[in-house]
């Protein structure tokens, strides 16, 4: 059965923090991917409702730094337009934080930085959501900011360090604090770019490379299942609405 062609707008904040393994899953579900580098694009000029899906990726920025990074304010405006229309959005790390802020919650610096291959624990709601595919599966974390849980959403996962690791609103909005998108190549680039800070957390490049060899393949599979199930939910939603 041939899927209808759809468009996914990807908001990227850093060339090192790309779509990764999410790309093949989107393409397998019939999405044409349009990637926009938010720092160098007039995000306010984008048609918020034209894409079938918006994917918001990670970055070094804080969602609360709109004065320093004005394009973040434009992204939040775009996301709020989509939220009002219940138009599909998938957010990763900074993307999840921008979604939390767009929904009226506070985003702020956390008490600790969460870095490494770590597990998240699905909540009761998460156990019946796409996030369940990461139960017991170490995934990449690399963040120091966190957020309050917005009103009207379901918390889907927590970790030992941060209670809010994933949330959803209806079938159309899914946000994860962790990094399901990371491929071996992306992870290696992060180790080159930011690996000098690892000793602060009792970690090393060598340790994370070794853990990548152990955990990477199963995390890749979990990522494909997570995004694939979310996209199938969107397709079912469209079918019901037709």
Protein backbone atom coordinates (compact mmCIF):
# COMPACT_ATOMS: atom_id res chain seq x y z
CA UNK A 1 0.00 0.00 0.00
CA UNK A 2 1.42 3.38 -1.05
CA UNK A 3 1.34 6.10 1.60
CA UNK A 4 0.24 9.61 0.72
CA UNK A 5 3.17 11.99 0.41
CA UNK A 6 3.55 14.29 3.42
CA UNK A 7 5.95 17.05 4.41
CA UNK A 8 8.01 17.20 7.60
CA UNK A 9 9.56 20.56 8.49
CA UNK A 10 12.67 20.04 10.62
CA UNK A 11 13.85 22.97 12.76
CA UNK A 12 17.58 22.49 13.34
CA UNK A 13 19.70 24.62 15.69
CA UNK A 14 23.18 23.18 15.11
CA UNK A 15 24.58 21.22 12.16
CA UNK A 16 26.06 18.74 14.65
CA UNK A 17 22.61 18.03 16.12
CA UNK A 18 20.79 16.69 13.11
CA UNK A 19 17.86 14.45 12.29
CA UNK A 20 19.96 11.31 12.47
CA UNK A 21 18.08 8.03 12.45
CA UNK A 22 14.72 9.82 12.48
CA UNK A 23 15.21 10.61 8.79
CA UNK A 24 14.89 7.08 7.39
CA UNK A 25 11.79 6.43 9.52
CA UNK A 26 10.14 9.62 8.27
CA UNK A 27 10.96 8.70 4.67
CA UNK A 28 9.63 5.17 5.15
CA UNK A 29 6.33 6.72 6.22
CA UNK A 30 6.13 8.86 3.10
CA UNK A 31 7.48 12.17 4.40
CA UNK A 32 9.42 14.63 2.31
CA UNK A 33 11.90 16.24 4.72
CA UNK A 34 12.56 19.98 4.61
CA UNK A 35 15.29 21.07 7.02
CA UNK A 36 15.56 24.69 8.14
CA UNK A 37 18.51 26.05 10.12
CA UNK A 38 16.63 28.22 12.60
CA UNK A 39 19.54 30.53 13.55
CA UNK A 40 19.98 31.67 9.94
CA UNK A 41 16.34 31.60 8.81
CA UNK A 42 13.48 34.04 9.26
CA UNK A 43 11.33 31.54 11.13
CA UNK A 44 8.55 34.13 11.44
CA UNK A 45 8.12 33.98 7.66
CA UNK A 46 7.39 30.24 7.66
CA UNK A 47 3.82 29.04 7.25
CA UNK A 48 3.27 27.29 10.57
CA UNK A 49 0.44 25.10 9.31
CA UNK A 50 1.76 24.17 5.86
CA UNK A 51 3.81 21.11 6.93
CA UNK A 52 2.06 17.92 7.94
CA UNK A 53 4.58 17.55 10.77
CA UNK A 54 7.12 19.80 12.49
CA UNK A 55 10.17 18.20 14.13
CA UNK A 56 12.11 20.43 16.53
CA UNK A 57 15.65 19.25 17.26
CA UNK A 58 18.12 19.94 20.06
CA UNK A 59 20.68 22.69 20.56
CA UNK A 60 22.90 24.47 23.07
CA UNK A 61 20.42 27.32 23.48
CA UNK A 62 18.11 27.60 26.44
CA UNK A 63 14.42 27.88 25.63
CA UNK A 64 14.37 30.84 28.04
CA UNK A 65 17.08 32.72 26.07
CA UNK A 66 14.77 34.40 23.59
CA UNK A 67 16.45 37.78 24.07
CA UNK A 68 19.83 36.28 23.17
CA UNK A 69 18.43 34.09 20.39
CA UNK A 70 15.42 35.91 18.87
CA UNK A 71 14.67 33.05 16.48
CA UNK A 72 13.60 30.98 19.50
CA UNK A 73 10.74 33.43 20.07
CA UNK A 74 9.73 32.94 16.44
CA UNK A 75 9.85 29.17 16.89
CA UNK A 76 7.67 29.41 19.98
CA UNK A 77 5.15 31.51 18.03
CA UNK A 78 5.14 28.91 15.24
CA UNK A 79 4.67 26.08 17.74
CA UNK A 80 1.82 27.89 19.49
CA UNK A 81 0.03 28.31 16.17
CA UNK A 82 0.35 24.58 15.55
CA UNK A 83 -0.70 23.75 19.11
CA UNK A 84 -3.85 25.85 18.72
CA UNK A 85 -4.63 23.88 15.55
CA UNK A 86 -3.63 20.52 17.09
CA UNK A 87 -1.18 20.11 14.21
CA UNK A 88 1.47 17.38 14.72
CA UNK A 89 4.77 18.25 16.42
CA UNK A 90 7.65 16.04 17.59
CA UNK A 91 10.27 17.65 19.86
CA UNK A 92 13.69 16.40 20.96
CA UNK A 93 15.72 17.87 23.87
CA UNK A 94 15.64 21.64 23.22
CA UNK A 95 12.64 20.86 21.04
CA UNK A 96 10.86 19.34 24.04
CA UNK A 97 11.77 22.36 26.14
CA UNK A 98 10.46 24.76 23.49
CA UNK A 99 7.23 22.79 23.39
CA UNK A 100 6.93 22.96 27.17
CA UNK A 101 7.42 26.72 27.03
CA UNK A 102 4.96 27.04 24.14
CA UNK A 103 2.41 25.26 26.32
CA UNK A 104 2.94 27.74 29.16
CA UNK A 105 5.37 25.84 31.38
CA UNK A 106 8.63 27.15 32.83
CA UNK A 107 11.97 26.01 31.39
CA UNK A 108 15.06 26.50 33.53
CA UNK A 109 18.58 25.32 34.36
CA UNK A 110 18.52 22.05 36.23
CA UNK A 111 20.43 21.12 39.35
CA UNK A 112 22.68 18.68 37.49
CA UNK A 113 23.76 17.91 33.96
CA UNK A 114 22.54 14.59 32.60
CA UNK A 115 25.14 13.14 30.21
CA UNK A 116 25.83 9.65 28.92
CA UNK A 117 23.99 6.48 27.97
CA UNK A 118 21.20 6.43 30.55
CA UNK A 119 17.79 4.85 30.95
CA UNK A 120 14.39 6.47 31.27
CA UNK A 121 11.47 4.83 33.02
CA UNK A 122 8.08 4.99 31.30
CA UNK A 123 5.19 6.10 33.49
CA UNK A 124 1.87 4.30 33.54
CA UNK A 125 0.76 6.51 30.65
CA UNK A 126 4.11 6.00 28.93
CA UNK A 127 3.75 2.22 29.08
CA UNK A 128 1.02 2.46 26.45
CA UNK A 129 2.76 5.15 24.37
CA UNK A 130 5.56 5.06 21.78
CA UNK A 131 8.03 5.89 24.58
CA UNK A 132 7.58 2.36 25.96
CA UNK A 133 10.08 1.15 23.37
CA UNK A 134 12.84 2.77 25.45
CA UNK A 135 11.94 0.89 28.64
CA UNK A 136 15.23 -0.60 29.85
CA UNK A 137 17.09 0.72 26.79
CA UNK A 138 19.95 3.15 27.52
CA UNK A 139 19.67 6.27 25.39
CA UNK A 140 21.85 9.33 24.91
CA UNK A 141 21.35 12.22 27.32
CA UNK A 142 23.27 15.49 27.07
CA UNK A 143 21.43 18.36 28.75
CA UNK A 144 21.43 20.61 31.79
CA UNK A 145 18.09 22.37 31.33
CA UNK A 146 14.72 20.98 32.33
CA UNK A 147 11.08 22.08 32.48
CA UNK A 148 7.89 21.94 34.45
CA UNK A 149 5.23 19.63 33.09
CA UNK A 150 2.76 21.73 31.09
CA UNK A 151 -0.91 21.63 32.04
CA UNK A 152 -3.03 19.26 30.02
CA UNK A 153 -0.30 16.86 28.92
CA UNK A 154 0.63 13.32 29.95
CA UNK A 155 4.04 12.64 31.50
CA UNK A 156 5.38 9.59 29.67
CA UNK A 157 8.81 8.98 31.22
CA UNK A 158 11.14 10.02 34.03
CA UNK A 159 14.78 9.42 34.96
CA UNK A 160 16.70 9.37 38.21
CA UNK A 161 17.80 12.96 37.65
CA UNK A 162 14.74 14.54 36.03
CA UNK A 163 11.07 13.76 36.41
CA UNK A 164 10.02 15.09 33.03
CA UNK A 165 11.68 13.07 30.27
CA UNK A 166 8.79 12.81 27.83
CA UNK A 167 5.25 14.05 27.43
CA UNK A 168 2.39 13.97 24.98
CA UNK A 169 -0.79 15.84 24.18
CA UNK A 170 -3.37 13.83 22.30
CA UNK A 171 -1.94 11.72 19.49
CA UNK A 172 -0.46 14.71 17.71
CA UNK A 173 2.23 16.09 20.07
CA UNK A 174 5.15 14.05 21.40
CA UNK A 175 8.21 15.48 23.18
CA UNK A 176 11.28 13.68 24.53
CA UNK A 177 14.12 15.16 26.57
CA UNK A 178 16.52 12.38 25.59
CA UNK A 179 18.10 11.83 22.16
CA UNK A 180 16.57 8.91 20.23
CA UNK A 181 17.91 10.37 16.97
CA UNK A 182 21.60 9.80 17.71
CA UNK A 183 23.52 7.65 15.22
CA UNK A 184 27.09 6.45 15.68
CA UNK A 185 28.26 9.30 13.44
CA UNK A 186 26.35 11.97 15.35
CA UNK A 187 27.55 10.60 18.68
CA UNK A 188 31.16 10.66 17.50
CA UNK A 189 30.77 14.25 16.34
CA UNK A 190 29.40 15.21 19.76
CA UNK A 191 32.38 13.56 21.44
CA UNK A 192 34.69 15.63 19.24
CA UNK A 193 32.77 18.86 19.79
CA UNK A 194 31.91 18.62 23.48
CA UNK A 195 33.93 15.73 24.84
CA UNK A 196 36.32 17.98 26.75
CA UNK A 197 33.60 18.58 29.35
CA UNK A 198 33.08 14.88 30.09
CA UNK A 199 35.61 14.60 32.96
CA UNK A 200 33.39 17.05 34.90
CA UNK A 201 30.80 14.27 35.02
CA UNK A 202 33.22 11.43 35.67
CA UNK A 203 33.06 10.32 32.04
CA UNK A 204 35.46 10.00 29.12
CA UNK A 205 35.23 9.78 25.35
CA UNK A 206 36.55 6.22 25.52
CA UNK A 207 33.88 5.14 28.00
CA UNK A 208 31.04 6.59 25.95
CA UNK A 209 32.40 5.02 22.75
CA UNK A 210 32.50 1.64 24.48
CA UNK A 211 28.95 2.09 25.75
CA UNK A 212 27.85 3.13 22.27
CA UNK A 213 29.07 -0.21 20.98
CA UNK A 214 26.97 -1.99 23.60
CA UNK A 215 23.84 0.16 23.59
CA UNK A 216 23.77 1.85 20.19
CA UNK A 217 22.18 -0.91 18.08
CA UNK A 218 19.25 -1.55 20.43
CA UNK A 219 18.74 2.21 20.88
CA UNK A 220 18.56 2.59 17.09
CA UNK A 221 15.85 -0.07 16.95
CA UNK A 222 13.93 1.55 19.81
CA UNK A 223 14.10 4.93 18.06
CA UNK A 224 12.65 3.53 14.84
CA UNK A 225 9.82 1.91 16.80
CA UNK A 226 9.12 5.05 18.84
CA UNK A 227 8.89 7.40 15.86
CA UNK A 228 7.23 4.80 13.66
CA UNK A 229 4.44 4.20 16.17
CA UNK A 230 3.93 7.95 16.61
CA UNK A 231 3.66 8.42 12.84
CA UNK A 232 1.25 5.50 12.55
CA UNK A 233 -0.89 7.20 15.18
CA UNK A 234 -0.95 10.35 13.06
CA UNK A 235 -2.00 8.32 10.03
CA UNK A 236 -4.81 6.67 12.00
CA UNK A 237 -5.93 10.09 13.25
CA UNK A 238 -6.06 11.41 9.68
CA UNK A 239 -8.05 8.37 8.57
CA UNK A 240 -10.62 8.89 11.30
CA UNK A 241 -10.93 12.57 10.38
CA UNK A 242 -11.41 11.83 6.67
